[in-house]
Amino acid sequence: MGAGAVGGYFGACLARSGADVVFVARGAHLAALREHGIAVEGGAAQFHLNRIEAVEDPTTIGAVDLILFAVKLWDTDAAIERIRPNVGPHTTVVSLQNGVLKDDDLAAAFGPQRLMGGVCYLSAVVARPGVISRTGPLERLVFGEFDGGPSARAAQFLEACLKAGIAAELSRNIRRDIWEKFVFLVGLSGTTATMRSTIGPIRAMAQTRAFLLDVMREVVAVARAHGVDLASDYAERRLELIDRVDPGMTSSMHRDLENGNRLELRWLSGGVVALGRAAGMATPHNRAIADILTLHADGAGKAG
């Protein structure tokens, strides 16, 4: 559900390996998927699937085994209504969206028993309709039950992912994994968007590097205040990861800003501010990011 860079890439890998995949998309991207199939460019594994199943209306599919939920966060409520006919008694929903509150609405809509936690790291963009372009080697898909236990559905999905060549792994603490990505993502998205830069120059200059680290430290502090067992120096560990990524790496929020699209600001730095406030904590660096970008949050210069 949502065949953009994330959904399109993982769906294409699964389809190439023989899984029965239906892509839900819209607009020019949907038209290209129907006419030409889907292509993955860049990186070591480049391929083109000439014939795939792509639809705009998911009600035509019926109940499915698993839904990879990969729409932008502002489309969550509308997408939930659209996939209701696809969620049967044995359907599993895995959200690969950004943020740490992404599963709350899904649990409310379908019940927590239908959900399995998920998080991914992927350097990719929709280069043009029907084409997913890898922009770096970063790829990791992590999922697991929220109670930390083993399950047949998790094992089955892992088997399908590994068969597809996806760098996938099961987690025994998926809530912590989601927060770990959140630390990285908030730092990357907040700095690249506010500074209008790829990560290379930001991490190379002492002043901007310090700001990046402080942004992530705030996320760690908020996580710990909400009972997530992140180490107190986890922001420093994330900075080590950022030092290893391609210097040209940026964030989807930075790309959305440059393209005049809506921003996931409310759920990223804005989410840190809200969760910090709920815990009685100040988060001045993330508040600065949220305040600076709020004029652009609805896209095309509209106030958020």
C-alpha atoms as a PDB file:
ATOM      1  CA  MET A   1       0.000   0.000   0.000  1.00  0.00           C
ATOM      2  CA  GLY A   2       1.946   2.961  -1.384  1.00  0.00           C
ATOM      3  CA  ALA A   3       4.345   1.878  -4.127  1.00  0.00           C
ATOM      4  CA  GLY A   4       6.829   4.733  -3.794  1.00  0.00           C
ATOM      5  CA  ALA A   5      10.540   4.309  -3.135  1.00  0.00           C
ATOM      6  CA  VAL A   6      10.091   2.050  -0.096  1.00  0.00           C
ATOM      7  CA  GLY A   7       7.000   0.091  -1.086  1.00  0.00           C
ATOM      8  CA  GLY A   8       8.044  -0.048  -4.719  1.00  0.00           C
ATOM      9  CA  TYR A   9      11.529  -1.371  -3.968  1.00  0.00           C
ATOM     10  CA  PHE A  10      10.614  -4.063  -1.451  1.00  0.00           C
ATOM     11  CA  GLY A  11       7.535  -5.034  -3.458  1.00  0.00           C
ATOM     12  CA  ALA A  12       9.608  -5.355  -6.635  1.00  0.00           C
ATOM     13  CA  CYS A  13      12.164  -7.569  -4.889  1.00  0.00           C
ATOM     14  CA  LEU A  14       9.413  -9.820  -3.543  1.00  0.00           C
ATOM     15  CA  ALA A  15       7.654  -9.994  -6.906  1.00  0.00           C
ATOM     16  CA  ARG A  16      10.905 -10.861  -8.699  1.00  0.00           C
ATOM     17  CA  SER A  17      11.368 -13.840  -6.370  1.00  0.00           C
ATOM     18  CA  GLY A  18       7.921 -15.223  -7.159  1.00  0.00           C
ATOM     19  CA  ALA A  19       5.766 -13.756  -4.403  1.00  0.00           C
ATOM     20  CA  ASP A  20       2.216 -12.773  -5.373  1.00  0.00           C
ATOM     21  CA  VAL A  21       2.471  -8.967  -5.050  1.00  0.00           C
ATOM     22  CA  VAL A  22      -0.070  -6.272  -5.904  1.00  0.00           C
ATOM     23  CA  PHE A  23       1.153  -2.658  -6.011  1.00  0.00           C
ATOM     24  CA  VAL A  24      -1.289   0.072  -4.965  1.00  0.00           C
ATOM     25  CA  ALA A  25      -0.341   3.386  -6.582  1.00  0.00           C
ATOM     26  CA  ARG A  26      -1.873   6.388  -8.318  1.00  0.00           C
ATOM     27  CA  GLY A  27      -1.334   8.968 -11.039  1.00  0.00           C
ATOM     28  CA  ALA A  28       1.520   8.796 -13.528  1.00  0.00           C
ATOM     29  CA  HIS A  29       3.348   6.237 -11.394  1.00  0.00           C
ATOM     30  CA  LEU A  30       0.387   3.858 -11.574  1.00  0.00           C
ATOM     31  CA  ALA A  31       0.069   4.360 -15.335  1.00  0.00           C
ATOM     32  CA  ALA A  32       3.760   3.541 -15.833  1.00  0.00           C
ATOM     33  CA  LEU A  33       3.556   0.451 -13.604  1.00  0.00           C
ATOM     34  CA  ARG A  34       0.615  -0.853 -15.618  1.00  0.00           C
ATOM     35  CA  GLU A  35       2.156  -0.140 -19.022  1.00  0.00           C
ATOM     36  CA  HIS A  36       5.845  -0.845 -18.485  1.00  0.00           C
ATOM     37  CA  GLY A  37       6.123  -2.704 -15.167  1.00  0.00           C
ATOM     38  CA  ILE A  38       8.584  -1.662 -12.483  1.00  0.00           C
ATOM     39  CA  ALA A  39      12.330  -1.093 -12.759  1.00  0.00           C
ATOM     40  CA  VAL A  40      14.989  -0.850 -10.054  1.00  0.00           C
ATOM     41  CA  GLU A  41      18.086   1.107 -11.066  1.00  0.00           C
ATOM     42  CA  GLY A  42      21.349   1.872  -9.266  1.00  0.00           C
ATOM     43  CA  GLY A  43      23.287  -0.359  -6.928  1.00  0.00           C
ATOM     44  CA  ALA A  44      24.417  -3.893  -7.582  1.00  0.00           C
ATOM     45  CA  ALA A  45      20.980  -5.402  -8.229  1.00  0.00           C
ATOM     46  CA  GLN A  46      19.301  -3.728 -11.191  1.00  0.00           C
ATOM     47  CA  PHE A  47      16.279  -5.374 -12.754  1.00  0.00           C
ATOM     48  CA  HIS A  48      13.053  -4.749 -14.635  1.00  0.00           C
ATOM     49  CA  LEU A  49       9.786  -6.636 -14.201  1.00  0.00           C
ATOM     50  CA  ASN A  50       7.761  -6.223 -17.365  1.00  0.00           C
ATOM     51  CA  ARG A  51       4.475  -7.530 -16.009  1.00  0.00           C
ATOM     52  CA  ILE A  52       3.204  -6.731 -12.536  1.00  0.00           C
ATOM     53  CA  GLU A  53      -0.218  -6.210 -11.012  1.00  0.00           C
ATOM     54  CA  ALA A  54      -0.838  -2.567 -10.085  1.00  0.00           C
ATOM     55  CA  VAL A  55      -4.145  -1.046  -9.006  1.00  0.00           C
ATOM     56  CA  GLU A  56      -5.473   2.256  -7.768  1.00  0.00           C
ATOM     57  CA  ASP A  57      -8.401   0.819  -5.839  1.00  0.00           C
ATOM     58  CA  PRO A  58      -7.311  -1.851  -3.327  1.00  0.00           C
ATOM     59  CA  THR A  59     -10.893  -3.004  -2.829  1.00  0.00           C
ATOM     60  CA  THR A  60     -10.511  -4.925  -6.096  1.00  0.00           C
ATOM     61  CA  ILE A  61      -7.867  -7.192  -4.519  1.00  0.00           C
ATOM     62  CA  GLY A  62      -9.808  -8.779  -1.659  1.00  0.00           C
ATOM     63  CA  ALA A  63      -8.297 -10.076   1.572  1.00  0.00           C
ATOM     64  CA  VAL A  64      -4.528 -10.624   1.549  1.00  0.00           C
ATOM     65  CA  ASP A  65      -1.902 -12.338   3.685  1.00  0.00           C
ATOM     66  CA  LEU A  66       0.227  -9.279   4.388  1.00  0.00           C
ATOM     67  CA  ILE A  67       0.073  -5.546   3.739  1.00  0.00           C
ATOM     68  CA  LEU A  68       3.265  -3.514   3.559  1.00  0.00           C
ATOM     69  CA  PHE A  69       1.906  -0.104   4.563  1.00  0.00           C
ATOM     70  CA  ALA A  70       4.216   2.524   3.047  1.00  0.00           C
ATOM     71  CA  VAL A  71       2.171   5.678   2.444  1.00  0.00           C
ATOM     72  CA  LYS A  72       3.272   9.105   3.610  1.00  0.00           C
ATOM     73  CA  LEU A  73       2.201   9.796   7.176  1.00  0.00           C
ATOM     74  CA  TRP A  74      -0.341  12.444   6.240  1.00  0.00           C
ATOM     75  CA  ASP A  75      -2.147   9.841   4.092  1.00  0.00           C
ATOM     76  CA  THR A  76      -2.455   7.311   6.934  1.00  0.00           C
ATOM     77  CA  ASP A  77      -6.125   7.866   7.804  1.00  0.00           C
ATOM     78  CA  ALA A  78      -7.309   7.814   4.187  1.00  0.00           C
ATOM     79  CA  ALA A  79      -5.170   4.748   3.391  1.00  0.00           C
ATOM     80  CA  ILE A  80      -6.559   2.878   6.401  1.00  0.00           C
ATOM     81  CA  GLU A  81     -10.091   3.305   5.063  1.00  0.00           C
ATOM     82  CA  ARG A  82      -9.021   2.133   1.614  1.00  0.00           C
ATOM     83  CA  ILE A  83      -7.447  -1.116   2.833  1.00  0.00           C
ATOM     84  CA  ARG A  84     -10.236  -2.191   5.187  1.00  0.00           C
ATOM     85  CA  PRO A  85     -11.572  -4.711   2.617  1.00  0.00           C
ATOM     86  CA  ASN A  86      -8.040  -6.208   2.360  1.00  0.00           C
ATOM     87  CA  VAL A  87      -7.757  -6.963   6.076  1.00  0.00           C
ATOM     88  CA  GLY A  88      -9.222 -10.384   6.717  1.00  0.00           C
ATOM     89  CA  PRO A  89      -9.063 -12.576   9.837  1.00  0.00           C
ATOM     90  CA  HIS A  90      -5.535 -13.758   8.986  1.00  0.00           C
ATOM     91  CA  THR A  91      -4.070 -10.571   7.480  1.00  0.00           C
ATOM     92  CA  THR A  92      -0.903  -9.018   8.909  1.00  0.00           C
ATOM     93  CA  VAL A  93      -0.177  -5.306   8.518  1.00  0.00           C
ATOM     94  CA  VAL A  94       3.423  -4.067   8.684  1.00  0.00           C
ATOM     95  CA  SER A  95       3.986  -0.316   8.591  1.00  0.00           C
ATOM     96  CA  LEU A  96       7.263   0.845   7.050  1.00  0.00           C
ATOM     97  CA  GLN A  97       6.395   4.498   7.617  1.00  0.00           C
ATOM     98  CA  ASN A  98       8.528   7.005   9.461  1.00  0.00           C
ATOM     99  CA  GLY A  99       8.106   7.973  13.105  1.00  0.00           C
ATOM    100  CA  VAL A 100       7.360   6.206  16.365  1.00  0.00           C
ATOM    101  CA  LEU A 101       3.596   6.730  16.555  1.00  0.00           C
ATOM    102  CA  LYS A 102       2.872   5.235  13.131  1.00  0.00           C
ATOM    103  CA  ASP A 103       1.294   2.032  14.436  1.00  0.00           C
ATOM    104  CA  ASP A 104      -1.201   3.645  16.819  1.00  0.00           C
ATOM    105  CA  ASP A 105      -3.823   4.432  14.175  1.00  0.00           C
ATOM    106  CA  LEU A 106      -3.394   1.031  12.532  1.00  0.00           C
ATOM    107  CA  ALA A 107      -3.871  -0.745  15.867  1.00  0.00           C
ATOM    108  CA  ALA A 108      -6.989   1.309  16.559  1.00  0.00           C
ATOM    109  CA  ALA A 109      -8.399   0.475  13.128  1.00  0.00           C
ATOM    110  CA  PHE A 110      -7.613  -3.250  12.895  1.00  0.00           C
ATOM    111  CA  GLY A 111      -6.666  -4.364  16.401  1.00  0.00           C
ATOM    112  CA  PRO A 112      -3.148  -4.915  17.707  1.00  0.00           C
ATOM    113  CA  GLN A 113      -3.281  -8.612  16.823  1.00  0.00           C
ATOM    114  CA  ARG A 114      -3.276  -7.707  13.114  1.00  0.00           C
ATOM    115  CA  LEU A 115      -0.051  -5.677  13.438  1.00  0.00           C
ATOM    116  CA  MET A 116       3.585  -6.650  13.285  1.00  0.00           C
ATOM    117  CA  GLY A 117       6.151  -3.925  13.907  1.00  0.00           C
ATOM    118  CA  GLY A 118       8.454  -2.897  11.102  1.00  0.00           C
ATOM    119  CA  VAL A 119      11.197  -0.437  10.259  1.00  0.00           C
ATOM    120  CA  CYS A 120      13.452  -0.031   7.242  1.00  0.00           C
ATOM    121  CA  TYR A 121      16.549   1.805   6.123  1.00  0.00           C
ATOM    122  CA  LEU A 122      16.758   2.397   2.373  1.00  0.00           C
ATOM    123  CA  SER A 123      18.522   4.890   0.101  1.00  0.00           C
ATOM    124  CA  ALA A 124      16.129   5.124  -2.831  1.00  0.00           C
ATOM    125  CA  VAL A 125      13.847   7.526  -4.692  1.00  0.00           C
ATOM    126  CA  VAL A 126      11.203   7.346  -7.383  1.00  0.00           C
ATOM    127  CA  ALA A 127      13.425   8.629 -10.190  1.00  0.00           C
ATOM    128  CA  ARG A 128      10.525   8.800 -12.645  1.00  0.00           C
ATOM    129  CA  PRO A 129       7.169   7.033 -12.938  1.00  0.00           C
ATOM    130  CA  GLY A 130       7.674   3.284 -12.713  1.00  0.00           C
ATOM    131  CA  VAL A 131      11.376   3.520 -11.817  1.00  0.00           C
ATOM    132  CA  ILE A 132      12.899   3.156  -8.343  1.00  0.00           C
ATOM    133  CA  SER A 133      16.492   4.386  -8.169  1.00  0.00           C
ATOM    134  CA  ARG A 134      18.919   3.237  -5.471  1.00  0.00           C
ATOM    135  CA  THR A 135      20.893   6.303  -4.349  1.00  0.00           C
ATOM    136  CA  GLY A 136      23.204   4.474  -1.951  1.00  0.00           C
ATOM    137  CA  PRO A 137      23.946   1.020  -0.547  1.00  0.00           C
ATOM    138  CA  LEU A 138      21.884   1.469   2.630  1.00  0.00           C
ATOM    139  CA  GLU A 139      19.285  -1.334   2.904  1.00  0.00           C
ATOM    140  CA  ARG A 140      17.868  -2.979   6.012  1.00  0.00           C
ATOM    141  CA  LEU A 141      14.395  -4.310   6.772  1.00  0.00           C
ATOM    142  CA  VAL A 142      13.590  -5.252  10.366  1.00  0.00           C
ATOM    143  CA  PHE A 143      10.289  -6.587  11.684  1.00  0.00           C
ATOM    144  CA  GLY A 144       8.898  -8.568  14.573  1.00  0.00           C
ATOM    145  CA  GLU A 145       6.064  -9.069  17.012  1.00  0.00           C
ATOM    146  CA  PHE A 146       5.527  -6.262  19.510  1.00  0.00           C
ATOM    147  CA  ASP A 147       5.599  -8.751  22.388  1.00  0.00           C
ATOM    148  CA  GLY A 148       9.057  -9.907  21.301  1.00  0.00           C
ATOM    149  CA  GLY A 149       8.048 -13.508  20.814  1.00  0.00           C
ATOM    150  CA  PRO A 150       8.446 -15.780  17.802  1.00  0.00           C
ATOM    151  CA  SER A 151       5.557 -16.309  15.396  1.00  0.00           C
ATOM    152  CA  ALA A 152       4.834 -18.333  12.302  1.00  0.00           C
ATOM    153  CA  ARG A 153       3.876 -15.242  10.297  1.00  0.00           C
ATOM    154  CA  ALA A 154       7.137 -13.474  11.130  1.00  0.00           C
ATOM    155  CA  ALA A 155       9.154 -16.547  10.159  1.00  0.00           C
ATOM    156  CA  GLN A 156       7.201 -16.914   6.929  1.00  0.00           C
ATOM    157  CA  PHE A 157       7.694 -13.276   5.954  1.00  0.00           C
ATOM    158  CA  LEU A 158      11.410 -13.490   6.786  1.00  0.00           C
ATOM    159  CA  GLU A 159      11.738 -16.524   4.531  1.00  0.00           C
ATOM    160  CA  ALA A 160      10.050 -14.638   1.680  1.00  0.00           C
ATOM    161  CA  CYS A 161      12.299 -11.596   2.163  1.00  0.00           C
ATOM    162  CA  LEU A 162      15.511 -13.613   2.267  1.00  0.00           C
ATOM    163  CA  LYS A 163      14.444 -15.511  -0.849  1.00  0.00           C
ATOM    164  CA  ALA A 164      13.961 -12.097  -2.490  1.00  0.00           C
ATOM    165  CA  GLY A 165      17.501 -11.016  -1.590  1.00  0.00           C
ATOM    166  CA  ILE A 166      16.305  -8.394   0.883  1.00  0.00           C
ATOM    167  CA  ALA A 167      18.599  -7.643   3.833  1.00  0.00           C
ATOM    168  CA  ALA A 168      15.920  -8.585   6.363  1.00  0.00           C
ATOM    169  CA  GLU A 169      16.023  -9.693   9.978  1.00  0.00           C
ATOM    170  CA  LEU A 170      13.668 -10.544  12.809  1.00  0.00           C
ATOM    171  CA  SER A 171      13.647  -8.395  15.931  1.00  0.00           C
ATOM    172  CA  ARG A 172      12.935  -9.399  19.505  1.00  0.00           C
ATOM    173  CA  ASN A 173      12.465  -5.726  20.485  1.00  0.00           C
ATOM    174  CA  ILE A 174      10.852  -3.991  17.529  1.00  0.00           C
ATOM    175  CA  ARG A 175       9.710  -0.972  19.563  1.00  0.00           C
ATOM    176  CA  ARG A 176      13.320  -0.184  20.393  1.00  0.00           C
ATOM    177  CA  ASP A 177      14.324  -0.740  16.752  1.00  0.00           C
ATOM    178  CA  ILE A 178      11.680   1.745  15.619  1.00  0.00           C
ATOM    179  CA  TRP A 179      13.011   4.328  18.076  1.00  0.00           C
ATOM    180  CA  GLU A 180      16.588   3.634  16.968  1.00  0.00           C
ATOM    181  CA  LYS A 181      15.677   4.563  13.422  1.00  0.00           C
ATOM    182  CA  PHE A 182      13.747   7.566  14.738  1.00  0.00           C
ATOM    183  CA  VAL A 183      16.931   8.958  16.298  1.00  0.00           C
ATOM    184  CA  PHE A 184      18.755   8.627  12.974  1.00  0.00           C
ATOM    185  CA  LEU A 185      15.838   9.872  10.868  1.00  0.00           C
ATOM    186  CA  VAL A 186      15.020  12.944  12.940  1.00  0.00           C
ATOM    187  CA  GLY A 187      18.673  13.980  12.886  1.00  0.00           C
ATOM    188  CA  LEU A 188      19.016  13.407   9.146  1.00  0.00           C
ATOM    189  CA  SER A 189      15.689  14.906   8.085  1.00  0.00           C
ATOM    190  CA  GLY A 190      15.792  17.882  10.413  1.00  0.00           C
ATOM    191  CA  THR A 191      19.290  19.015   9.493  1.00  0.00           C
ATOM    192  CA  THR A 192      19.202  18.329   5.748  1.00  0.00           C
ATOM    193  CA  ALA A 193      15.846  20.091   5.382  1.00  0.00           C
ATOM    194  CA  THR A 194      16.592  23.158   7.509  1.00  0.00           C
ATOM    195  CA  MET A 195      20.125  23.547   6.118  1.00  0.00           C
ATOM    196  CA  ARG A 196      19.137  22.660   2.521  1.00  0.00           C
ATOM    197  CA  SER A 197      22.104  20.337   2.232  1.00  0.00           C
ATOM    198  CA  THR A 198      23.113  16.733   1.866  1.00  0.00           C
ATOM    199  CA  ILE A 199      24.572  15.120   4.970  1.00  0.00           C
ATOM    200  CA  GLY A 200      28.239  15.363   3.909  1.00  0.00           C
ATOM    201  CA  PRO A 201      28.780  19.105   4.525  1.00  0.00           C
ATOM    202  CA  ILE A 202      26.632  19.011   7.674  1.00  0.00           C
ATOM    203  CA  ARG A 203      28.690  16.327   9.365  1.00  0.00           C
ATOM    204  CA  ALA A 204      31.966  17.896   8.184  1.00  0.00           C
ATOM    205  CA  MET A 205      31.516  21.350   9.758  1.00  0.00           C
ATOM    206  CA  ALA A 206      31.960  21.538  13.523  1.00  0.00           C
ATOM    207  CA  GLN A 207      28.998  23.844  14.222  1.00  0.00           C
ATOM    208  CA  THR A 208      26.461  21.984  12.090  1.00  0.00           C
ATOM    209  CA  ARG A 209      27.795  18.625  13.287  1.00  0.00           C
ATOM    210  CA  ALA A 210      27.216  19.711  16.893  1.00  0.00           C
ATOM    211  CA  PHE A 211      23.648  20.772  16.039  1.00  0.00           C
ATOM    212  CA  LEU A 212      22.999  17.388  14.398  1.00  0.00           C
ATOM    213  CA  LEU A 213      24.266  15.581  17.491  1.00  0.00           C
ATOM    214  CA  ASP A 214      22.164  17.733  19.826  1.00  0.00           C
ATOM    215  CA  VAL A 215      19.039  17.038  17.748  1.00  0.00           C
ATOM    216  CA  MET A 216      19.605  13.302  18.130  1.00  0.00           C
ATOM    217  CA  ARG A 217      20.458  13.597  21.830  1.00  0.00           C
ATOM    218  CA  GLU A 218      17.044  15.144  22.407  1.00  0.00           C
ATOM    219  CA  VAL A 219      15.352  12.181  20.678  1.00  0.00           C
ATOM    220  CA  VAL A 220      17.279   9.741  22.859  1.00  0.00           C
ATOM    221  CA  ALA A 221      16.326  11.631  26.015  1.00  0.00           C
ATOM    222  CA  VAL A 222      12.646  11.612  25.011  1.00  0.00           C
ATOM    223  CA  ALA A 223      12.800   7.891  24.213  1.00  0.00           C
ATOM    224  CA  ARG A 224      14.291   7.105  27.622  1.00  0.00           C
ATOM    225  CA  ALA A 225      11.641   9.262  29.290  1.00  0.00           C
ATOM    226  CA  HIS A 226       8.992   7.127  27.570  1.00  0.00           C
ATOM    227  CA  GLY A 227      10.520   3.884  28.804  1.00  0.00           C
ATOM    228  CA  VAL A 228      12.504   2.856  25.726  1.00  0.00           C
ATOM    229  CA  ASP A 229      15.798   1.260  26.703  1.00  0.00           C
ATOM    230  CA  LEU A 230      18.193   3.240  24.532  1.00  0.00           C
ATOM    231  CA  ALA A 231      21.701   3.754  25.896  1.00  0.00           C
ATOM    232  CA  SER A 232      22.413   7.256  27.133  1.00  0.00           C
ATOM    233  CA  ASP A 233      25.151   7.611  24.476  1.00  0.00           C
ATOM    234  CA  TYR A 234      23.019   6.244  21.640  1.00  0.00           C
ATOM    235  CA  ALA A 235      23.068   9.579  19.753  1.00  0.00           C
ATOM    236  CA  GLU A 236      26.837   9.364  19.564  1.00  0.00           C
ATOM    237  CA  ARG A 237      26.512   5.860  18.119  1.00  0.00           C
ATOM    238  CA  ARG A 238      24.087   7.134  15.494  1.00  0.00           C
ATOM    239  CA  LEU A 239      26.573   9.840  14.583  1.00  0.00           C
ATOM    240  CA  GLU A 240      29.092   7.085  13.854  1.00  0.00           C
ATOM    241  CA  LEU A 241      26.563   5.577  11.422  1.00  0.00           C
ATOM    242  CA  ILE A 242      25.991   8.966   9.800  1.00  0.00           C
ATOM    243  CA  ASP A 243      29.745   9.273   9.319  1.00  0.00           C
ATOM    244  CA  ARG A 244      29.654   6.051   7.274  1.00  0.00           C
ATOM    245  CA  VAL A 245      26.792   6.870   4.894  1.00  0.00           C
ATOM    246  CA  ASP A 246      27.360   8.374   1.474  1.00  0.00           C
ATOM    247  CA  PRO A 247      28.082  12.130   1.776  1.00  0.00           C
ATOM    248  CA  GLY A 248      25.456  12.793  -0.880  1.00  0.00           C
ATOM    249  CA  MET A 249      22.726  11.168   1.191  1.00  0.00           C
ATOM    250  CA  THR A 250      19.756  13.316   2.088  1.00  0.00           C
ATOM    251  CA  SER A 251      16.257  12.736   3.468  1.00  0.00           C
ATOM    252  CA  SER A 252      12.820  12.388   1.950  1.00  0.00           C
ATOM    253  CA  MET A 253      11.766  15.488   3.901  1.00  0.00           C
ATOM    254  CA  HIS A 254      14.562  17.507   2.279  1.00  0.00           C
ATOM    255  CA  ARG A 255      13.489  16.248  -1.161  1.00  0.00           C
ATOM    256  CA  ASP A 256       9.839  17.037  -0.387  1.00  0.00           C
ATOM    257  CA  LEU A 257      10.824  20.547   0.682  1.00  0.00           C
ATOM    258  CA  GLU A 258      12.812  21.117  -2.510  1.00  0.00           C
ATOM    259  CA  ASN A 259       9.890  19.863  -4.601  1.00  0.00           C
ATOM    260  CA  GLY A 260       7.269  21.936  -2.809  1.00  0.00           C
ATOM    261  CA  ASN A 261       5.522  18.862  -1.398  1.00  0.00           C
ATOM    262  CA  ARG A 262       4.024  18.334   2.030  1.00  0.00           C
ATOM    263  CA  LEU A 263       6.429  17.495   4.844  1.00  0.00           C
ATOM    264  CA  GLU A 264       6.280  14.799   7.520  1.00  0.00           C
ATOM    265  CA  LEU A 265       7.438  17.480   9.956  1.00  0.00           C
ATOM    266  CA  ARG A 266       4.584  17.004  12.414  1.00  0.00           C
ATOM    267  CA  TRP A 267       5.569  13.364  12.991  1.00  0.00           C
ATOM    268  CA  LEU A 268       9.372  13.821  12.984  1.00  0.00           C
ATOM    269  CA  SER A 269      10.869  16.830  14.802  1.00  0.00           C
ATOM    270  CA  GLY A 270       7.336  17.961  15.602  1.00  0.00           C
ATOM    271  CA  GLY A 271       6.679  14.543  17.098  1.00  0.00           C
ATOM    272  CA  VAL A 272       9.773  14.843  19.291  1.00  0.00           C
ATOM    273  CA  VAL A 273       8.501  18.186  20.572  1.00  0.00           C
ATOM    274  CA  ALA A 274       5.062  16.750  21.361  1.00  0.00           C
ATOM    275  CA  LEU A 275       6.431  13.621  23.036  1.00  0.00           C
ATOM    276  CA  GLY A 276       8.927  15.721  24.982  1.00  0.00           C
ATOM    277  CA  ARG A 277       6.166  18.028  26.156  1.00  0.00           C
ATOM    278  CA  ALA A 278       4.155  15.000  27.305  1.00  0.00           C
ATOM    279  CA  ALA A 279       7.153  13.906  29.382  1.00  0.00           C
ATOM    280  CA  GLY A 280       7.735  17.417  30.769  1.00  0.00           C
ATOM    281  CA  MET A 281      10.930  17.896  28.752  1.00  0.00           C
ATOM    282  CA  ALA A 282      12.151  20.791  26.645  1.00  0.00           C
ATOM    283  CA  THR A 283      13.419  19.925  23.160  1.00  0.00           C
ATOM    284  CA  PRO A 284      14.784  23.259  21.876  1.00  0.00           C
ATOM    285  CA  HIS A 285      16.710  21.949  18.873  1.00  0.00           C
ATOM    286  CA  ASN A 286      13.782  19.980  17.483  1.00  0.00           C
ATOM    287  CA  ARG A 287      11.448  22.841  18.263  1.00  0.00           C
ATOM    288  CA  ALA A 288      13.715  25.132  16.240  1.00  0.00           C
ATOM    289  CA  ILE A 289      13.494  22.753  13.276  1.00  0.00           C
ATOM    290  CA  ALA A 290       9.708  22.468  13.599  1.00  0.00           C
ATOM    291  CA  ASP A 291       9.305  26.244  13.881  1.00  0.00           C
ATOM    292  CA  ILE A 292      11.627  26.989  10.943  1.00  0.00           C
ATOM    293  CA  LEU A 293       9.939  24.526   8.583  1.00  0.00           C
ATOM    294  CA  THR A 294       6.313  24.968   9.610  1.00  0.00           C
ATOM    295  CA  LEU A 295       5.664  27.531   6.856  1.00  0.00           C
ATOM    296  CA  HIS A 296       6.402  24.769   4.353  1.00  0.00           C
ATOM    297  CA  ALA A 297       4.720  21.857   6.137  1.00  0.00           C
ATOM    298  CA  ASP A 298       1.702  21.802   3.818  1.00  0.00           C
ATOM    299  CA  GLY A 299       3.803  22.252   0.697  1.00  0.00           C
ATOM    300  CA  ALA A 300       4.111  25.081  -1.808  1.00  0.00           C
ATOM    301  CA  GLY A 301       4.808  27.633   0.940  1.00  0.00           C
ATOM    302  CA  LYS A 302       1.500  27.126   2.762  1.00  0.00           C
ATOM    303  CA  ALA A 303       1.566  27.460   6.530  1.00  0.00           C
ATOM    304  CA  GLY A 304       1.415  24.131   8.390  1.00  0.00           C
END
